[in-house]
């Protein structure tokens, strides 16, 4: 079974610190009860509009 996957769009991937990803993971677990379930996060840079 595949783990729940979340895509996070950011302006600059280099500025996305692992500790902030962990913070988001903990908040999702707290809000939706994913205790003991592996979560997958994909960090993507937002494409320039124009």
PDB file of N, CA and C in Angstrom:
ATOM      1  N   UNK A   1       0.845  -1.180   0.000  1.00  0.00           N
ATOM      2  CA  UNK A   1       0.000   0.000   0.000  1.00  0.00           C
ATOM      3  C   UNK A   1       0.894   1.249   0.000  1.00  0.00           C
ATOM      4  N   UNK A   2       0.533   2.211  -0.795  1.00  0.00           N
ATOM      5  CA  UNK A   2       1.317   3.436  -0.909  1.00  0.00           C
ATOM      6  C   UNK A   2       1.013   4.387   0.245  1.00  0.00           C
ATOM      7  N   UNK A   3       2.054   5.067   0.750  1.00  0.00           N
ATOM      8  CA  UNK A   3       1.803   6.023   1.837  1.00  0.00           C
ATOM      9  C   UNK A   3       1.095   7.271   1.319  1.00  0.00           C
ATOM     10  N   UNK A   4       0.335   7.957   2.180  1.00  0.00           N
ATOM     11  CA  UNK A   4      -0.269   9.233   1.768  1.00  0.00           C
ATOM     12  C   UNK A   4       0.841  10.181   1.322  1.00  0.00           C
ATOM     13  N   UNK A   5       0.618  10.849   0.195  1.00  0.00           N
ATOM     14  CA  UNK A   5       1.627  11.729  -0.385  1.00  0.00           C
ATOM     15  C   UNK A   5       1.091  13.144  -0.457  1.00  0.00           C
ATOM     16  N   UNK A   6       1.925  14.088  -0.044  1.00  0.00           N
ATOM     17  CA  UNK A   6       1.571  15.496  -0.053  1.00  0.00           C
ATOM     18  C   UNK A   6       2.588  16.241  -0.900  1.00  0.00           C
ATOM     19  N   UNK A   7       2.108  17.101  -1.782  1.00  0.00           N
ATOM     20  CA  UNK A   7       2.983  17.936  -2.595  1.00  0.00           C
ATOM     21  C   UNK A   7       2.942  19.342  -2.019  1.00  0.00           C
ATOM     22  N   UNK A   8       4.125  19.873  -1.734  1.00  0.00           N
ATOM     23  CA  UNK A   8       4.235  21.214  -1.173  1.00  0.00           C
ATOM     24  C   UNK A   8       4.914  22.090  -2.214  1.00  0.00           C
ATOM     25  N   UNK A   9       4.237  23.157  -2.619  1.00  0.00           N
ATOM     26  CA  UNK A   9       4.790  24.083  -3.598  1.00  0.00           C
ATOM     27  C   UNK A   9       5.451  25.246  -2.883  1.00  0.00           C
ATOM     28  N   UNK A  10       6.702  25.529  -3.259  1.00  0.00           N
ATOM     29  CA  UNK A  10       7.474  26.603  -2.644  1.00  0.00           C
ATOM     30  C   UNK A  10       8.119  27.448  -3.736  1.00  0.00           C
ATOM     31  N   UNK A  11       8.535  28.644  -3.368  1.00  0.00           N
ATOM     32  CA  UNK A  11       9.221  29.507  -4.327  1.00  0.00           C
ATOM     33  C   UNK A  11      10.640  29.029  -4.605  1.00  0.00           C
ATOM     34  N   UNK A  12      11.334  28.549  -3.566  1.00  0.00           N
ATOM     35  CA  UNK A  12      12.725  28.123  -3.708  1.00  0.00           C
ATOM     36  C   UNK A  12      12.945  26.883  -2.841  1.00  0.00           C
ATOM     37  N   UNK A  13      13.193  25.735  -3.481  1.00  0.00           N
ATOM     38  CA  UNK A  13      13.374  24.484  -2.746  1.00  0.00           C
ATOM     39  C   UNK A  13      14.527  24.554  -1.760  1.00  0.00           C
ATOM     40  N   UNK A  14      15.556  25.310  -2.101  1.00  0.00           N
ATOM     41  CA  UNK A  14      16.736  25.408  -1.247  1.00  0.00           C
ATOM     42  C   UNK A  14      16.410  26.052   0.111  1.00  0.00           C
ATOM     43  N   UNK A  15      15.357  26.847   0.153  1.00  0.00           N
ATOM     44  CA  UNK A  15      14.976  27.521   1.399  1.00  0.00           C
ATOM     45  C   UNK A  15      14.053  26.671   2.275  1.00  0.00           C
ATOM     46  N   UNK A  16      13.590  25.544   1.754  1.00  0.00           N
ATOM     47  CA  UNK A  16      12.684  24.663   2.504  1.00  0.00           C
ATOM     48  C   UNK A  16      13.511  23.762   3.407  1.00  0.00           C
ATOM     49  N   UNK A  17      13.651  24.151   4.658  1.00  0.00           N
ATOM     50  CA  UNK A  17      14.464  23.415   5.617  1.00  0.00           C
ATOM     51  C   UNK A  17      13.743  22.146   6.061  1.00  0.00           C
ATOM     52  N   UNK A  18      14.513  21.071   6.300  1.00  0.00           N
ATOM     53  CA  UNK A  18      13.903  19.796   6.695  1.00  0.00           C
ATOM     54  C   UNK A  18      13.088  19.926   7.985  1.00  0.00           C
ATOM     55  N   UNK A  19      13.496  20.857   8.865  1.00  0.00           N
ATOM     56  CA  UNK A  19      12.766  20.997  10.122  1.00  0.00           C
ATOM     57  C   UNK A  19      11.360  21.549   9.885  1.00  0.00           C
ATOM     58  N   UNK A  20      11.185  22.371   8.856  1.00  0.00           N
ATOM     59  CA  UNK A  20       9.847  22.877   8.546  1.00  0.00           C
ATOM     60  C   UNK A  20       8.991  21.766   7.935  1.00  0.00           C
ATOM     61  N   UNK A  21       9.610  20.914   7.120  1.00  0.00           N
ATOM     62  CA  UNK A  21       8.886  19.760   6.576  1.00  0.00           C
ATOM     63  C   UNK A  21       8.427  18.859   7.722  1.00  0.00           C
ATOM     64  N   UNK A  22       9.287  18.657   8.719  1.00  0.00           N
ATOM     65  CA  UNK A  22       8.934  17.844   9.882  1.00  0.00           C
ATOM     66  C   UNK A  22       7.801  18.491  10.678  1.00  0.00           C
ATOM     67  N   UNK A  23       7.833  19.818  10.806  1.00  0.00           N
ATOM     68  CA  UNK A  23       6.764  20.554  11.490  1.00  0.00           C
ATOM     69  C   UNK A  23       5.426  20.318  10.778  1.00  0.00           C
ATOM     70  N   UNK A  24       5.426  20.444   9.444  1.00  0.00           N
ATOM     71  CA  UNK A  24       4.198  20.226   8.670  1.00  0.00           C
ATOM     72  C   UNK A  24       3.719  18.788   8.850  1.00  0.00           C
ATOM     73  N   UNK A  25       4.650  17.838   8.809  1.00  0.00           N
ATOM     74  CA  UNK A  25       4.297  16.434   9.005  1.00  0.00           C
ATOM     75  C   UNK A  25       3.633  16.221  10.370  1.00  0.00           C
ATOM     76  N   UNK A  26       4.205  16.794  11.408  1.00  0.00           N
ATOM     77  CA  UNK A  26       3.633  16.640  12.751  1.00  0.00           C
ATOM     78  C   UNK A  26       2.246  17.260  12.849  1.00  0.00           C
ATOM     79  N   UNK A  27       2.038  18.405  12.217  1.00  0.00           N
ATOM     80  CA  UNK A  27       0.719  19.058  12.246  1.00  0.00           C
ATOM     81  C   UNK A  27      -0.319  18.231  11.488  1.00  0.00           C
ATOM     82  N   UNK A  28       0.070  17.639  10.365  1.00  0.00           N
ATOM     83  CA  UNK A  28      -0.854  16.779   9.612  1.00  0.00           C
ATOM     84  C   UNK A  28      -1.208  15.546  10.438  1.00  0.00           C
ATOM     85  N   UNK A  29      -0.208  14.946  11.070  1.00  0.00           N
ATOM     86  CA  UNK A  29      -0.476  13.782  11.932  1.00  0.00           C
ATOM     87  C   UNK A  29      -1.424  14.145  13.069  1.00  0.00           C
ATOM     88  N   UNK A  30      -1.181  15.295  13.679  1.00  0.00           N
ATOM     89  CA  UNK A  30      -2.008  15.750  14.797  1.00  0.00           C
ATOM     90  C   UNK A  30      -3.452  16.003  14.354  1.00  0.00           C
ATOM     91  N   UNK A  31      -3.617  16.613  13.176  1.00  0.00           N
ATOM     92  CA  UNK A  31      -4.951  16.996  12.705  1.00  0.00           C
ATOM     93  C   UNK A  31      -5.750  15.828  12.140  1.00  0.00           C
ATOM     94  N   UNK A  32      -5.069  14.895  11.450  1.00  0.00           N
ATOM     95  CA  UNK A  32      -5.781  13.841  10.731  1.00  0.00           C
ATOM     96  C   UNK A  32      -5.538  12.438  11.264  1.00  0.00           C
ATOM     97  N   UNK A  33      -4.743  12.308  12.326  1.00  0.00           N
ATOM     98  CA  UNK A  33      -4.580  11.001  12.967  1.00  0.00           C
ATOM     99  C   UNK A  33      -3.778   9.996  12.171  1.00  0.00           C
ATOM    100  N   UNK A  34      -2.710  10.402  11.537  1.00  0.00           N
ATOM    101  CA  UNK A  34      -1.859   9.483  10.777  1.00  0.00           C
ATOM    102  C   UNK A  34      -0.781   8.860  11.668  1.00  0.00           C
ATOM    103  N   UNK A  35      -1.091   8.556  12.903  1.00  0.00           N
ATOM    104  CA  UNK A  35      -0.099   7.970  13.812  1.00  0.00           C
ATOM    105  C   UNK A  35       0.354   6.610  13.286  1.00  0.00           C
ATOM    106  N   UNK A  36       1.664   6.415  13.198  1.00  0.00           N
ATOM    107  CA  UNK A  36       2.209   5.131  12.763  1.00  0.00           C
ATOM    108  C   UNK A  36       2.180   4.909  11.264  1.00  0.00           C
ATOM    109  N   UNK A  37       1.654   5.857  10.514  1.00  0.00           N
ATOM    110  CA  UNK A  37       1.575   5.733   9.059  1.00  0.00           C
ATOM    111  C   UNK A  37       2.698   6.551   8.431  1.00  0.00           C
ATOM    112  N   UNK A  38       3.476   5.943   7.527  1.00  0.00           N
ATOM    113  CA  UNK A  38       4.495   6.746   6.854  1.00  0.00           C
ATOM    114  C   UNK A  38       3.842   7.775   5.936  1.00  0.00           C
ATOM    115  N   UNK A  39       4.390   8.966   5.906  1.00  0.00           N
ATOM    116  CA  UNK A  39       3.898  10.019   5.030  1.00  0.00           C
ATOM    117  C   UNK A  39       5.008  10.381   4.044  1.00  0.00           C
ATOM    118  N   UNK A  40       4.623  10.719   2.843  1.00  0.00           N
ATOM    119  CA  UNK A  40       5.601  11.111   1.824  1.00  0.00           C
ATOM    120  C   UNK A  40       5.338  12.562   1.438  1.00  0.00           C
ATOM    121  N   UNK A  41       6.412  13.351   1.392  1.00  0.00           N
ATOM    122  CA  UNK A  41       6.302  14.748   1.003  1.00  0.00           C
ATOM    123  C   UNK A  41       7.143  14.986  -0.240  1.00  0.00           C
ATOM    124  N   UNK A  42       6.559  15.658  -1.211  1.00  0.00           N
ATOM    125  CA  UNK A  42       7.266  16.060  -2.422  1.00  0.00           C
ATOM    126  C   UNK A  42       7.318  17.576  -2.412  1.00  0.00           C
ATOM    127  N   UNK A  43       8.534  18.118  -2.452  1.00  0.00           N
ATOM    128  CA  UNK A  43       8.728  19.563  -2.447  1.00  0.00           C
ATOM    129  C   UNK A  43       8.974  20.003  -3.888  1.00  0.00           C
ATOM    130  N   UNK A  44       8.115  20.848  -4.406  1.00  0.00           N
ATOM    131  CA  UNK A  44       8.252  21.330  -5.791  1.00  0.00           C
ATOM    132  C   UNK A  44       8.328  22.839  -5.821  1.00  0.00           C
ATOM    133  N   UNK A  45       9.153  23.320  -6.740  1.00  0.00           N
ATOM    134  CA  UNK A  45       9.229  24.776  -6.922  1.00  0.00           C
ATOM    135  C   UNK A  45       8.071  25.220  -7.786  1.00  0.00           C
ATOM    136  N   UNK A  46       7.523  26.352  -7.412  1.00  0.00           N
ATOM    137  CA  UNK A  46       6.432  26.953  -8.160  1.00  0.00           C
ATOM    138  C   UNK A  46       6.995  27.474  -9.488  1.00  0.00           C
ATOM    139  N   UNK A  47       6.274  27.217 -10.557  1.00  0.00           N
ATOM    140  CA  UNK A  47       6.710  27.707 -11.866  1.00  0.00           C
ATOM    141  C   UNK A  47       6.400  29.193 -11.998  1.00  0.00           C
ATOM    142  N   UNK A  48       7.286  29.894 -12.650  1.00  0.00           N
ATOM    143  CA  UNK A  48       7.071  31.329 -12.885  1.00  0.00           C
ATOM    144  C   UNK A  48       5.869  31.527 -13.804  1.00  0.00           C
ATOM    145  N   UNK A  49       5.036  32.496 -13.463  1.00  0.00           N
ATOM    146  CA  UNK A  49       3.892  32.799 -14.315  1.00  0.00           C
ATOM    147  C   UNK A  49       4.281  33.929 -15.251  1.00  0.00           C
ATOM    148  N   UNK A  50       3.859  33.815 -16.493  1.00  0.00           N
ATOM    149  CA  UNK A  50       4.130  34.921 -17.389  1.00  0.00           C
ATOM    150  C   UNK A  50       4.571  34.494 -18.666  1.00  0.00           C
TER     151      UNK A  50
END
